[in-house]
Amino acid sequence: MRHFLTLKDYAKEEILEILELGLAIKKEQKSKIPHPYLMGQTLAMIFEKSSTRTRVSFEAGMYQLGGHALFLSNRDIHLGRGEPVKDTARVISSMCDMVMIRTYAQSMLEEFAAHSKVPVINGLTDSYHPVQLLTDYMTMMEHGKDQNAVVAYIGDGNNMTHSWLMLASKLGFELRIATPVGYECDPAIVADAMEFARISGAKITITNDPKEAVQGATVVTTDTWISMGQEEEKAQRILDFKGYIVDEALMKRADSEAIFLHCLPAYRDVEVSETVLEGGQSLIFEEAENRLHAQKGLMVWLDKHR
């Protein structure tokens, strides 16, 4: 049995296998071909952090695969009222076939998985957002940007940045990260990525200069500067991130056929300009839809590898 807690745990071949499966299932859906690979199965979805795309994509995806999804907020279950994580894990995994958790601490997710009888999926933690990276790379594949990819990530050294580090270092493409001083990535995660990169041949550059990072890039991506739980830091963060907005001037430094990605929600004219977000290089809504398809591929893959 496999869990999906971070891309760190997966080989290049496994990541690509999940994505190819997701693309095949997407093709079936677009062709109106039934694909009930998880007929009669149940996905428990535990949300300690709210979400639009995560809830809709997992719930709709499980239904389309022939199964059923249960929405469980921390207000609905005893986990939010002091029950030990390991007890909740044992109970839920005895009744459901798979669990998706969207939470704060990676350690909570790992503890749950350690006591679960069924596969556990990371729907987001403060450390990683691996399902989003499956989505982003699927979108790159569909537009031919997985070949000779040069990805520039501009913004906060957060869970998205950490996940880009894991994906690039496993698959072997070039990644350039530009963060403001004081907002760099977790050094331990960077060290892991550099170790994997020595094996895969990935080229990873970390800088504080967004112009340097974007120069000639084939993919430009960013994330919100103020994530859930950071609202009190908003004013200071906006000051600290001055000069890091992905606008038309910055995009002009990228390859002329570069694409723009954003995991959403996006705050227009904060981390990305309205003109870039709505422009011809932006694939953000295709990317958002691909949450559905990539995660369907992931769930079917996990079911096959029990």
C-alpha atoms as a PDB file:
ATOM      1  CA  MET A   1       0.000   0.000   0.000  1.00  0.00           C
ATOM      2  CA  ARG A   2       1.213   3.494  -0.872  1.00  0.00           C
ATOM      3  CA  HIS A   3       0.345   6.887   0.599  1.00  0.00           C
ATOM      4  CA  PHE A   4       0.755  10.184  -1.286  1.00  0.00           C
ATOM      5  CA  LEU A   5       2.176  12.554   1.314  1.00  0.00           C
ATOM      6  CA  THR A   6       4.976  14.233  -0.673  1.00  0.00           C
ATOM      7  CA  LEU A   7       6.601  13.790  -4.076  1.00  0.00           C
ATOM      8  CA  LYS A   8       9.786  13.039  -2.166  1.00  0.00           C
ATOM      9  CA  ASP A   9       8.473   9.475  -1.746  1.00  0.00           C
ATOM     10  CA  TYR A  10       7.970   8.872  -5.487  1.00  0.00           C
ATOM     11  CA  ALA A  11      10.296   7.913  -8.326  1.00  0.00           C
ATOM     12  CA  LYS A  12      10.210   9.730 -11.670  1.00  0.00           C
ATOM     13  CA  GLU A  13       8.619   6.725 -13.365  1.00  0.00           C
ATOM     14  CA  GLU A  14       5.825   6.571 -10.784  1.00  0.00           C
ATOM     15  CA  ILE A  15       5.007  10.283 -11.096  1.00  0.00           C
ATOM     16  CA  LEU A  16       4.815  10.028 -14.880  1.00  0.00           C
ATOM     17  CA  GLU A  17       2.724   6.849 -14.638  1.00  0.00           C
ATOM     18  CA  ILE A  18       0.178   8.657 -12.434  1.00  0.00           C
ATOM     19  CA  LEU A  19       0.025  11.566 -14.884  1.00  0.00           C
ATOM     20  CA  GLU A  20      -0.359   9.355 -17.955  1.00  0.00           C
ATOM     21  CA  LEU A  21      -3.175   7.521 -16.189  1.00  0.00           C
ATOM     22  CA  GLY A  22      -4.831  10.854 -15.373  1.00  0.00           C
ATOM     23  CA  LEU A  23      -4.545  11.987 -18.985  1.00  0.00           C
ATOM     24  CA  ALA A  24      -6.055   8.702 -20.208  1.00  0.00           C
ATOM     25  CA  ILE A  25      -8.982   9.069 -17.794  1.00  0.00           C
ATOM     26  CA  LYS A  26      -9.412  12.707 -18.885  1.00  0.00           C
ATOM     27  CA  LYS A  27      -9.634  11.549 -22.499  1.00  0.00           C
ATOM     28  CA  GLU A  28     -12.302   9.009 -21.514  1.00  0.00           C
ATOM     29  CA  GLN A  29     -14.307  11.687 -19.732  1.00  0.00           C
ATOM     30  CA  LYS A  30     -14.084  14.121 -22.653  1.00  0.00           C
ATOM     31  CA  SER A  31     -15.224  11.283 -24.976  1.00  0.00           C
ATOM     32  CA  LYS A  32     -18.179  10.547 -22.652  1.00  0.00           C
ATOM     33  CA  ILE A  33     -16.798   7.071 -21.914  1.00  0.00           C
ATOM     34  CA  PRO A  34     -17.795   5.782 -18.454  1.00  0.00           C
ATOM     35  CA  HIS A  35     -14.776   5.182 -16.207  1.00  0.00           C
ATOM     36  CA  PRO A  36     -16.028   3.650 -12.921  1.00  0.00           C
ATOM     37  CA  TYR A  37     -12.593   2.428 -11.773  1.00  0.00           C
ATOM     38  CA  LEU A  38     -13.479   2.953  -8.102  1.00  0.00           C
ATOM     39  CA  MET A  39     -17.041   1.652  -8.196  1.00  0.00           C
ATOM     40  CA  GLY A  40     -18.541   1.378  -4.728  1.00  0.00           C
ATOM     41  CA  GLN A  41     -15.504   2.888  -2.959  1.00  0.00           C
ATOM     42  CA  THR A  42     -15.576   5.741  -0.464  1.00  0.00           C
ATOM     43  CA  LEU A  43     -13.157   8.644  -0.058  1.00  0.00           C
ATOM     44  CA  ALA A  44     -13.065  10.409   3.320  1.00  0.00           C
ATOM     45  CA  MET A  45     -12.076  14.074   2.880  1.00  0.00           C
ATOM     46  CA  ILE A  46     -10.822  15.710   6.080  1.00  0.00           C
ATOM     47  CA  PHE A  47     -10.608  19.508   5.884  1.00  0.00           C
ATOM     48  CA  GLU A  48      -8.870  21.506   8.604  1.00  0.00           C
ATOM     49  CA  LYS A  49      -8.233  24.161   5.929  1.00  0.00           C
ATOM     50  CA  SER A  50     -11.047  25.220   3.607  1.00  0.00           C
ATOM     51  CA  SER A  51     -10.740  25.052  -0.178  1.00  0.00           C
ATOM     52  CA  THR A  52     -12.640  25.492  -3.412  1.00  0.00           C
ATOM     53  CA  ARG A  53     -10.602  23.458  -5.904  1.00  0.00           C
ATOM     54  CA  THR A  54      -9.563  20.683  -3.517  1.00  0.00           C
ATOM     55  CA  ARG A  55     -13.080  19.902  -2.363  1.00  0.00           C
ATOM     56  CA  VAL A  56     -14.755  20.122  -5.765  1.00  0.00           C
ATOM     57  CA  SER A  57     -12.063  18.170  -7.624  1.00  0.00           C
ATOM     58  CA  PHE A  58     -11.851  15.283  -5.152  1.00  0.00           C
ATOM     59  CA  GLU A  59     -15.596  15.058  -4.566  1.00  0.00           C
ATOM     60  CA  ALA A  60     -16.526  15.272  -8.245  1.00  0.00           C
ATOM     61  CA  GLY A  61     -13.636  13.033  -9.214  1.00  0.00           C
ATOM     62  CA  MET A  62     -14.613  10.250  -6.823  1.00  0.00           C
ATOM     63  CA  TYR A  63     -18.211  10.411  -8.052  1.00  0.00           C
ATOM     64  CA  GLN A  64     -17.097  10.202 -11.698  1.00  0.00           C
ATOM     65  CA  LEU A  65     -14.935   7.180 -10.834  1.00  0.00           C
ATOM     66  CA  GLY A  66     -18.019   5.412  -9.487  1.00  0.00           C
ATOM     67  CA  GLY A  67     -17.407   6.068  -5.799  1.00  0.00           C
ATOM     68  CA  HIS A  68     -18.594   8.442  -3.106  1.00  0.00           C
ATOM     69  CA  ALA A  69     -16.796  11.189  -1.157  1.00  0.00           C
ATOM     70  CA  LEU A  70     -17.516  12.269   2.425  1.00  0.00           C
ATOM     71  CA  PHE A  71     -16.777  15.881   3.435  1.00  0.00           C
ATOM     72  CA  LEU A  72     -15.516  15.986   7.023  1.00  0.00           C
ATOM     73  CA  SER A  73     -14.485  19.339   8.500  1.00  0.00           C
ATOM     74  CA  ASN A  74     -12.764  19.470  11.873  1.00  0.00           C
ATOM     75  CA  ARG A  75     -16.083  20.807  13.225  1.00  0.00           C
ATOM     76  CA  ASP A  76     -17.850  17.629  12.110  1.00  0.00           C
ATOM     77  CA  ILE A  77     -15.564  14.983  13.613  1.00  0.00           C
ATOM     78  CA  HIS A  78     -13.947  14.416  16.979  1.00  0.00           C
ATOM     79  CA  LEU A  79     -10.484  15.149  15.571  1.00  0.00           C
ATOM     80  CA  GLY A  80     -11.292  18.831  16.045  1.00  0.00           C
ATOM     81  CA  ARG A  81     -12.378  18.222  19.629  1.00  0.00           C
ATOM     82  CA  GLY A  82      -9.331  16.481  20.981  1.00  0.00           C
ATOM     83  CA  GLU A  83      -9.523  12.862  19.796  1.00  0.00           C
ATOM     84  CA  PRO A  84      -6.003  11.562  19.123  1.00  0.00           C
ATOM     85  CA  VAL A  85      -5.060  11.541  15.434  1.00  0.00           C
ATOM     86  CA  LYS A  86      -4.170   7.848  15.580  1.00  0.00           C
ATOM     87  CA  ASP A  87      -7.636   6.950  16.902  1.00  0.00           C
ATOM     88  CA  THR A  88      -9.394   8.935  14.187  1.00  0.00           C
ATOM     89  CA  ALA A  89      -7.144   7.300  11.578  1.00  0.00           C
ATOM     90  CA  ARG A  90      -7.958   3.797  12.776  1.00  0.00           C
ATOM     91  CA  VAL A  91     -11.702   4.445  12.786  1.00  0.00           C
ATOM     92  CA  ILE A  92     -12.034   6.244   9.459  1.00  0.00           C
ATOM     93  CA  SER A  93      -9.700   3.872   7.623  1.00  0.00           C
ATOM     94  CA  SER A  94     -11.754   0.908   8.850  1.00  0.00           C
ATOM     95  CA  MET A  95     -14.835   2.331   7.119  1.00  0.00           C
ATOM     96  CA  CYS A  96     -13.490   4.083   4.008  1.00  0.00           C
ATOM     97  CA  ASP A  97     -11.273   3.015   1.108  1.00  0.00           C
ATOM     98  CA  MET A  98      -9.107   6.130   0.864  1.00  0.00           C
ATOM     99  CA  VAL A  99      -8.523   9.343   2.836  1.00  0.00           C
ATOM    100  CA  MET A 100      -7.611  12.847   1.655  1.00  0.00           C
ATOM    101  CA  ILE A 101      -6.474  15.347   4.273  1.00  0.00           C
ATOM    102  CA  ARG A 102      -6.044  19.120   3.895  1.00  0.00           C
ATOM    103  CA  THR A 103      -4.413  20.399   7.057  1.00  0.00           C
ATOM    104  CA  TYR A 104      -1.693  22.562   8.590  1.00  0.00           C
ATOM    105  CA  ALA A 105       1.116  20.369   9.951  1.00  0.00           C
ATOM    106  CA  GLN A 106       2.812  17.743   7.803  1.00  0.00           C
ATOM    107  CA  SER A 107       3.422  15.825  11.029  1.00  0.00           C
ATOM    108  CA  MET A 108      -0.346  15.417  11.574  1.00  0.00           C
ATOM    109  CA  LEU A 109      -0.730  13.976   8.071  1.00  0.00           C
ATOM    110  CA  GLU A 110       2.169  11.579   8.612  1.00  0.00           C
ATOM    111  CA  GLU A 111       0.811  10.419  11.967  1.00  0.00           C
ATOM    112  CA  PHE A 112      -2.587   9.754  10.403  1.00  0.00           C
ATOM    113  CA  ALA A 113      -0.995   7.778   7.562  1.00  0.00           C
ATOM    114  CA  ALA A 114       1.086   5.744  10.009  1.00  0.00           C
ATOM    115  CA  HIS A 115      -2.117   4.431  11.620  1.00  0.00           C
ATOM    116  CA  SER A 116      -4.292   4.200   8.499  1.00  0.00           C
ATOM    117  CA  LYS A 117      -5.268   0.899   6.871  1.00  0.00           C
ATOM    118  CA  VAL A 118      -5.936   2.648   3.539  1.00  0.00           C
ATOM    119  CA  PRO A 119      -4.055   5.107   1.275  1.00  0.00           C
ATOM    120  CA  VAL A 120      -3.803   8.689   2.556  1.00  0.00           C
ATOM    121  CA  ILE A 121      -3.461  11.659   0.181  1.00  0.00           C
ATOM    122  CA  ASN A 122      -1.985  15.042   1.041  1.00  0.00           C
ATOM    123  CA  GLY A 123      -4.539  17.635  -0.099  1.00  0.00           C
ATOM    124  CA  LEU A 124      -2.234  20.377   1.254  1.00  0.00           C
ATOM    125  CA  THR A 125      -0.122  21.020   4.335  1.00  0.00           C
ATOM    126  CA  ASP A 126       2.015  23.967   5.338  1.00  0.00           C
ATOM    127  CA  SER A 127       5.023  22.045   3.995  1.00  0.00           C
ATOM    128  CA  TYR A 128       3.823  20.538   0.699  1.00  0.00           C
ATOM    129  CA  HIS A 129       1.047  20.666  -1.906  1.00  0.00           C
ATOM    130  CA  PRO A 130       1.890  17.650  -4.104  1.00  0.00           C
ATOM    131  CA  VAL A 131      -1.495  17.187  -5.807  1.00  0.00           C
ATOM    132  CA  GLN A 132      -1.181  20.714  -7.198  1.00  0.00           C
ATOM    133  CA  LEU A 133       2.190  19.855  -8.719  1.00  0.00           C
ATOM    134  CA  LEU A 134       0.719  16.807 -10.456  1.00  0.00           C
ATOM    135  CA  THR A 135      -1.814  19.226 -11.910  1.00  0.00           C
ATOM    136  CA  ASP A 136       0.764  21.791 -12.973  1.00  0.00           C
ATOM    137  CA  TYR A 137       2.970  19.241 -14.688  1.00  0.00           C
ATOM    138  CA  MET A 138      -0.035  17.671 -16.421  1.00  0.00           C
ATOM    139  CA  THR A 139      -0.844  21.120 -17.819  1.00  0.00           C
ATOM    140  CA  MET A 140       2.769  21.513 -18.943  1.00  0.00           C
ATOM    141  CA  MET A 141       2.632  18.117 -20.654  1.00  0.00           C
ATOM    142  CA  GLU A 142      -0.538  18.997 -22.559  1.00  0.00           C
ATOM    143  CA  HIS A 143       1.096  22.156 -23.906  1.00  0.00           C
ATOM    144  CA  GLY A 144       4.494  20.638 -24.669  1.00  0.00           C
ATOM    145  CA  LYS A 145       6.207  22.537 -21.871  1.00  0.00           C
ATOM    146  CA  ASP A 146       7.510  19.408 -20.169  1.00  0.00           C
ATOM    147  CA  GLN A 147      10.176  19.145 -22.876  1.00  0.00           C
ATOM    148  CA  ASN A 148      13.300  21.165 -22.004  1.00  0.00           C
ATOM    149  CA  ALA A 149      11.321  22.874 -19.251  1.00  0.00           C
ATOM    150  CA  VAL A 150      12.740  25.922 -17.494  1.00  0.00           C
ATOM    151  CA  VAL A 151      10.364  26.821 -14.661  1.00  0.00           C
ATOM    152  CA  ALA A 152      10.615  30.148 -12.821  1.00  0.00           C
ATOM    153  CA  TYR A 153       8.797  30.359  -9.482  1.00  0.00           C
ATOM    154  CA  ILE A 154       8.459  33.912  -8.132  1.00  0.00           C
ATOM    155  CA  GLY A 155       7.239  34.596  -4.596  1.00  0.00           C
ATOM    156  CA  ASP A 156       7.102  33.017  -1.158  1.00  0.00           C
ATOM    157  CA  GLY A 157       9.231  30.031  -0.139  1.00  0.00           C
ATOM    158  CA  ASN A 158       6.145  28.072   0.875  1.00  0.00           C
ATOM    159  CA  ASN A 159       4.480  24.695   0.333  1.00  0.00           C
ATOM    160  CA  MET A 160       4.174  25.341  -3.406  1.00  0.00           C
ATOM    161  CA  THR A 161       7.857  26.210  -3.718  1.00  0.00           C
ATOM    162  CA  HIS A 162       8.803  23.107  -1.727  1.00  0.00           C
ATOM    163  CA  SER A 163       6.670  20.964  -4.018  1.00  0.00           C
ATOM    164  CA  TRP A 164       8.244  22.487  -7.137  1.00  0.00           C
ATOM    165  CA  LEU A 165      11.633  21.601  -5.631  1.00  0.00           C
ATOM    166  CA  MET A 166      10.564  17.992  -5.193  1.00  0.00           C
ATOM    167  CA  LEU A 167       9.032  17.706  -8.678  1.00  0.00           C
ATOM    168  CA  ALA A 168      11.985  19.280 -10.500  1.00  0.00           C
ATOM    169  CA  SER A 169      14.560  17.289  -8.579  1.00  0.00           C
ATOM    170  CA  LYS A 170      12.737  14.020  -9.278  1.00  0.00           C
ATOM    171  CA  LEU A 171      11.953  14.635 -12.959  1.00  0.00           C
ATOM    172  CA  GLY A 172      15.207  16.384 -13.844  1.00  0.00           C
ATOM    173  CA  PHE A 173      14.134  19.739 -15.305  1.00  0.00           C
ATOM    174  CA  GLU A 174      15.463  23.238 -14.588  1.00  0.00           C
ATOM    175  CA  LEU A 175      13.868  25.197 -11.747  1.00  0.00           C
ATOM    176  CA  ARG A 176      14.663  28.759 -10.728  1.00  0.00           C
ATOM    177  CA  ILE A 177      13.212  30.114  -7.502  1.00  0.00           C
ATOM    178  CA  ALA A 178      13.177  33.818  -6.598  1.00  0.00           C
ATOM    179  CA  THR A 179      12.018  34.804  -3.114  1.00  0.00           C
ATOM    180  CA  PRO A 180      12.458  37.988  -1.079  1.00  0.00           C
ATOM    181  CA  VAL A 181      15.117  37.988   1.628  1.00  0.00           C
ATOM    182  CA  GLY A 182      13.677  36.338   4.727  1.00  0.00           C
ATOM    183  CA  TYR A 183      11.115  34.301   2.771  1.00  0.00           C
ATOM    184  CA  GLU A 184      13.390  31.565   1.465  1.00  0.00           C
ATOM    185  CA  CYS A 185      12.521  27.862   1.291  1.00  0.00           C
ATOM    186  CA  ASP A 186      13.065  25.444   4.174  1.00  0.00           C
ATOM    187  CA  PRO A 187      16.816  24.596   4.079  1.00  0.00           C
ATOM    188  CA  ALA A 188      16.161  20.918   4.860  1.00  0.00           C
ATOM    189  CA  ILE A 189      13.799  20.604   1.881  1.00  0.00           C
ATOM    190  CA  VAL A 190      16.294  22.415  -0.354  1.00  0.00           C
ATOM    191  CA  ALA A 191      18.997  19.965   0.777  1.00  0.00           C
ATOM    192  CA  ASP A 192      16.771  16.997  -0.100  1.00  0.00           C
ATOM    193  CA  ALA A 193      16.031  18.487  -3.521  1.00  0.00           C
ATOM    194  CA  MET A 194      19.709  19.084  -4.252  1.00  0.00           C
ATOM    195  CA  GLU A 195      20.458  15.460  -3.373  1.00  0.00           C
ATOM    196  CA  PHE A 196      17.741  14.188  -5.724  1.00  0.00           C
ATOM    197  CA  ALA A 197      18.933  16.625  -8.412  1.00  0.00           C
ATOM    198  CA  ARG A 198      22.377  15.044  -8.393  1.00  0.00           C
ATOM    199  CA  ILE A 199      20.699  11.808  -9.450  1.00  0.00           C
ATOM    200  CA  SER A 200      18.175  13.212 -11.958  1.00  0.00           C
ATOM    201  CA  GLY A 201      20.343  15.921 -13.477  1.00  0.00           C
ATOM    202  CA  ALA A 202      17.948  18.711 -12.487  1.00  0.00           C
ATOM    203  CA  LYS A 203      19.360  22.223 -12.405  1.00  0.00           C
ATOM    204  CA  ILE A 204      18.071  24.196  -9.415  1.00  0.00           C
ATOM    205  CA  THR A 205      18.853  27.879  -8.872  1.00  0.00           C
ATOM    206  CA  ILE A 206      17.724  29.844  -5.819  1.00  0.00           C
ATOM    207  CA  THR A 207      17.976  33.624  -5.884  1.00  0.00           C
ATOM    208  CA  ASN A 208      16.402  36.825  -4.576  1.00  0.00           C
ATOM    209  CA  ASP A 209      16.236  38.328  -8.084  1.00  0.00           C
ATOM    210  CA  PRO A 210      12.976  37.673  -9.981  1.00  0.00           C
ATOM    211  CA  LYS A 211      14.376  39.134 -13.216  1.00  0.00           C
ATOM    212  CA  GLU A 212      17.262  36.667 -13.155  1.00  0.00           C
ATOM    213  CA  ALA A 213      14.898  33.766 -12.459  1.00  0.00           C
ATOM    214  CA  VAL A 214      12.471  34.580 -15.293  1.00  0.00           C
ATOM    215  CA  GLN A 215      15.024  35.261 -18.025  1.00  0.00           C
ATOM    216  CA  GLY A 216      14.269  32.826 -20.866  1.00  0.00           C
ATOM    217  CA  ALA A 217      11.949  30.651 -18.731  1.00  0.00           C
ATOM    218  CA  THR A 218       9.365  28.504 -20.512  1.00  0.00           C
ATOM    219  CA  VAL A 219       7.016  28.390 -17.499  1.00  0.00           C
ATOM    220  CA  VAL A 220       6.434  31.222 -15.020  1.00  0.00           C
ATOM    221  CA  THR A 221       4.475  30.540 -11.863  1.00  0.00           C
ATOM    222  CA  THR A 222       3.644  32.122  -8.531  1.00  0.00           C
ATOM    223  CA  ASP A 223       1.331  31.761  -5.537  1.00  0.00           C
ATOM    224  CA  THR A 224      -0.484  34.080  -3.165  1.00  0.00           C
ATOM    225  CA  TRP A 225       1.784  36.061  -0.855  1.00  0.00           C
ATOM    226  CA  ILE A 226      -0.693  35.761   2.015  1.00  0.00           C
ATOM    227  CA  SER A 227      -1.765  32.177   2.681  1.00  0.00           C
ATOM    228  CA  MET A 228      -4.398  31.033   5.173  1.00  0.00           C
ATOM    229  CA  GLY A 229      -3.243  31.845   8.690  1.00  0.00           C
ATOM    230  CA  GLN A 230      -1.015  34.732   7.550  1.00  0.00           C
ATOM    231  CA  GLU A 231      -3.683  37.439   7.328  1.00  0.00           C
ATOM    232  CA  GLU A 232      -2.157  39.447  10.190  1.00  0.00           C
ATOM    233  CA  GLU A 233       1.089  39.667   8.185  1.00  0.00           C
ATOM    234  CA  LYS A 234      -0.604  41.045   5.067  1.00  0.00           C
ATOM    235  CA  ALA A 235       0.601  44.658   5.233  1.00  0.00           C
ATOM    236  CA  GLN A 236       4.196  43.675   5.994  1.00  0.00           C
ATOM    237  CA  ARG A 237       4.259  40.958   3.344  1.00  0.00           C
ATOM    238  CA  ILE A 238       3.017  43.325   0.641  1.00  0.00           C
ATOM    239  CA  LEU A 239       5.900  45.663   1.512  1.00  0.00           C
ATOM    240  CA  ASP A 240       8.452  42.849   1.625  1.00  0.00           C
ATOM    241  CA  PHE A 241       7.334  41.401  -1.700  1.00  0.00           C
ATOM    242  CA  LYS A 242       7.508  44.688  -3.603  1.00  0.00           C
ATOM    243  CA  GLY A 243       9.055  44.012  -7.002  1.00  0.00           C
ATOM    244  CA  TYR A 244       7.954  40.370  -7.094  1.00  0.00           C
ATOM    245  CA  ILE A 245       4.655  40.822  -8.917  1.00  0.00           C
ATOM    246  CA  VAL A 246       4.457  38.819 -12.136  1.00  0.00           C
ATOM    247  CA  ASP A 247       3.463  41.563 -14.553  1.00  0.00           C
ATOM    248  CA  GLU A 248       3.856  42.143 -18.280  1.00  0.00           C
ATOM    249  CA  ALA A 249       7.349  43.596 -17.865  1.00  0.00           C
ATOM    250  CA  LEU A 250       8.537  40.496 -15.996  1.00  0.00           C
ATOM    251  CA  MET A 251       6.831  38.099 -18.447  1.00  0.00           C
ATOM    252  CA  LYS A 252       8.628  39.799 -21.351  1.00  0.00           C
ATOM    253  CA  ARG A 253      11.895  38.459 -19.913  1.00  0.00           C
ATOM    254  CA  ALA A 254      10.606  34.891 -20.260  1.00  0.00           C
ATOM    255  CA  ASP A 255      10.579  32.893 -23.477  1.00  0.00           C
ATOM    256  CA  SER A 256       8.172  34.430 -26.001  1.00  0.00           C
ATOM    257  CA  GLU A 257       6.006  31.290 -25.848  1.00  0.00           C
ATOM    258  CA  ALA A 258       6.175  30.869 -22.069  1.00  0.00           C
ATOM    259  CA  ILE A 259       3.040  29.933 -20.155  1.00  0.00           C
ATOM    260  CA  PHE A 260       1.852  31.333 -16.830  1.00  0.00           C
ATOM    261  CA  LEU A 261       0.536  29.097 -14.023  1.00  0.00           C
ATOM    262  CA  HIS A 262      -1.047  29.900 -10.649  1.00  0.00           C
ATOM    263  CA  CYS A 263      -2.631  27.397  -8.247  1.00  0.00           C
ATOM    264  CA  LEU A 264      -5.372  29.898  -7.249  1.00  0.00           C
ATOM    265  CA  PRO A 265      -6.899  31.716  -5.539  1.00  0.00           C
ATOM    266  CA  ALA A 266      -5.082  34.629  -7.195  1.00  0.00           C
ATOM    267  CA  TYR A 267      -5.122  38.181  -5.896  1.00  0.00           C
ATOM    268  CA  ARG A 268      -5.083  40.390  -8.948  1.00  0.00           C
ATOM    269  CA  ASP A 269      -2.481  43.138  -9.078  1.00  0.00           C
ATOM    270  CA  VAL A 270      -0.851  41.762  -5.931  1.00  0.00           C
ATOM    271  CA  GLU A 271       1.278  38.700  -6.805  1.00  0.00           C
ATOM    272  CA  VAL A 272       0.197  38.782 -10.469  1.00  0.00           C
ATOM    273  CA  SER A 273      -1.166  41.557 -12.647  1.00  0.00           C
ATOM    274  CA  GLU A 274      -4.660  41.454 -14.104  1.00  0.00           C
ATOM    275  CA  THR A 275      -3.194  41.641 -17.620  1.00  0.00           C
ATOM    276  CA  VAL A 276      -0.998  38.559 -17.127  1.00  0.00           C
ATOM    277  CA  LEU A 277      -3.735  36.613 -15.356  1.00  0.00           C
ATOM    278  CA  GLU A 278      -6.222  37.260 -18.171  1.00  0.00           C
ATOM    279  CA  GLY A 279      -3.636  37.268 -20.961  1.00  0.00           C
ATOM    280  CA  GLY A 280      -2.950  34.753 -23.708  1.00  0.00           C
ATOM    281  CA  GLN A 281      -0.054  33.101 -21.875  1.00  0.00           C
ATOM    282  CA  SER A 282      -2.158  32.291 -18.809  1.00  0.00           C
ATOM    283  CA  LEU A 283      -3.403  28.715 -18.443  1.00  0.00           C
ATOM    284  CA  ILE A 284      -4.746  29.073 -14.922  1.00  0.00           C
ATOM    285  CA  PHE A 285      -8.252  27.786 -15.616  1.00  0.00           C
ATOM    286  CA  GLU A 286      -7.067  24.797 -17.638  1.00  0.00           C
ATOM    287  CA  GLU A 287      -4.684  24.186 -14.754  1.00  0.00           C
ATOM    288  CA  ALA A 288      -7.541  24.399 -12.253  1.00  0.00           C
ATOM    289  CA  GLU A 289      -9.637  21.881 -14.220  1.00  0.00           C
ATOM    290  CA  ASN A 290      -6.676  19.525 -14.290  1.00  0.00           C
ATOM    291  CA  ARG A 291      -6.910  19.180 -10.508  1.00  0.00           C
ATOM    292  CA  LEU A 292      -9.866  16.912 -11.294  1.00  0.00           C
ATOM    293  CA  HIS A 293      -8.047  14.796 -13.859  1.00  0.00           C
ATOM    294  CA  ALA A 294      -4.667  14.505 -12.145  1.00  0.00           C
ATOM    295  CA  GLN A 295      -6.285  13.480  -8.863  1.00  0.00           C
ATOM    296  CA  LYS A 296      -8.485  10.901 -10.557  1.00  0.00           C
ATOM    297  CA  GLY A 297      -5.310   9.403 -11.984  1.00  0.00           C
ATOM    298  CA  LEU A 298      -3.724   9.470  -8.546  1.00  0.00           C
ATOM    299  CA  MET A 299      -6.661   7.775  -6.808  1.00  0.00           C
ATOM    300  CA  VAL A 300      -6.869   5.016  -9.417  1.00  0.00           C
ATOM    301  CA  TRP A 301      -3.088   4.511  -9.235  1.00  0.00           C
ATOM    302  CA  LEU A 302      -3.178   4.240  -5.441  1.00  0.00           C
ATOM    303  CA  ASP A 303      -6.009   1.735  -5.651  1.00  0.00           C
ATOM    304  CA  LYS A 304      -3.952  -0.389  -8.055  1.00  0.00           C
ATOM    305  CA  HIS A 305      -0.974  -0.359  -5.686  1.00  0.00           C
ATOM    306  CA  ARG A 306      -2.664  -1.497  -2.512  1.00  0.00           C
END
